[in-house]
Amino acid sequence: MNWTVAYLEQHGARIRLSYDDAGHKANVLASLGPDRVGGVVLSGHTDVVPVDGQDWTSDPFSLTERGERLYGRGTADMKGFIACCLAAVPALARTPLKRPIHLALSYDEEIGCFGVPRLLADLAANVPPPALAIVGEPTEMRIGDRHRGFFGYRTTFHGRAAHSSDPSAGASAIYAAAEFVRFLRTAGDDGGDGIERTTFNVGRIDGGTAINIVPNRCEVVWEFRPSADSDVGAIRTMVDDFMARSVVHDVKLDHAALTSVPPLASRNDNAALKLAHYLGAEFPTLAMPFGTEAGFFQTAGIPTVVCGPGSIDQAHQPDEWIAIAQLEAGSRFLDRLGAWASTEAPL
């Protein structure tokens, strides 16, 4: 982060940092051009997934060029886009911009998009409202305009322990959890395809202490991924109603949200879509199977699309790579953005 901030400041960017609670991580919001409304946000995340257990043929944290590809953790997801943005900064700094261009770099996207809400709060409080946002996740420079959300929870059931010779003397937390898991198994929408479906998944169950003890505790870690058009509130109400009427007698529960990533919905009047296409991004629009921070920008009232170099098929894999041609396409896109932002041309 320090290197990036120094580099951006060297080229005259106005810098804002918003930190996590511990003060160890920070979002970077860098602005070039006039301090006025109507800017364009280029958004990316600075974290990557681990490489533990993956068999790499080169150092995952040293960029390696082989043929027409660049290998390394995060090259596709999505440090290639960030590299394109940083490479474009010197030219943007020399350009007499009529509209601001904001580079938004957020922390902890991979574990739940924890940084971007703070970045957006800081932007709303201190920066004139931007006109649109482009999130640079890998789409091979196609325009992604919709994806499902992601909501994760930990639900813990608290029963009453007893000797298993008389189970009625206790209250099994596992039995109550099993009813809940059965409900989640049947709650998903099987009628749609791809991101049109709302899906549920149970990722982990942990409970009990021994075969001869009625379990007094069971934890279920689960998620749902709503379609872009789903009513998230209605899904939460459905789950709450089930738990209220179906929990086993004498079993109590507590419920903690782990992560909340809103869906990105397709909008016909999306100014970001129009600009991205003008700048060279490709149609037809893409329904993305993965979540991004784009839903946060849209929820904040900022028209947003996803468009960036590289393919999601290479992300999170051993020997992750991005084609050099994709980075060149991303750089051309940003060159056109700079030229457009130096005019008063309408969106």
Foldseek 3Di string as FASTA:
>chain_A
DVVLVVLLVVLPWDWDWDADPVRPDTKIKTKAADQAEAEEEEEAEDDFDDCPPADAPDAQDDWDDDDQKIWHTCCQRPVLLVVLVSVCSNVLSVFNFPHMYMYIYFYDFVQFRVGVVRVVVCCVVPGHHHQAYEYAHAPQLAWAQWEWKKWKKKKKKFKAKDFQVCCVVIGASVVQVVVLVVCLVPPKDPPDDFLQIKHKDWDDKDWDDDPGMRIRMMMIIMMIIHRLPDDPVVVVVVSVVCSVPRGDPRMDMDMGIRHIAHIRDHDPPQPANVLSVVLPGDDDHDYDNDGGNQRVCVVVVHRYIYGHFHDPVQHPHHRRIGGNVRSVSSNSSVVSVSVVSSDPDDD
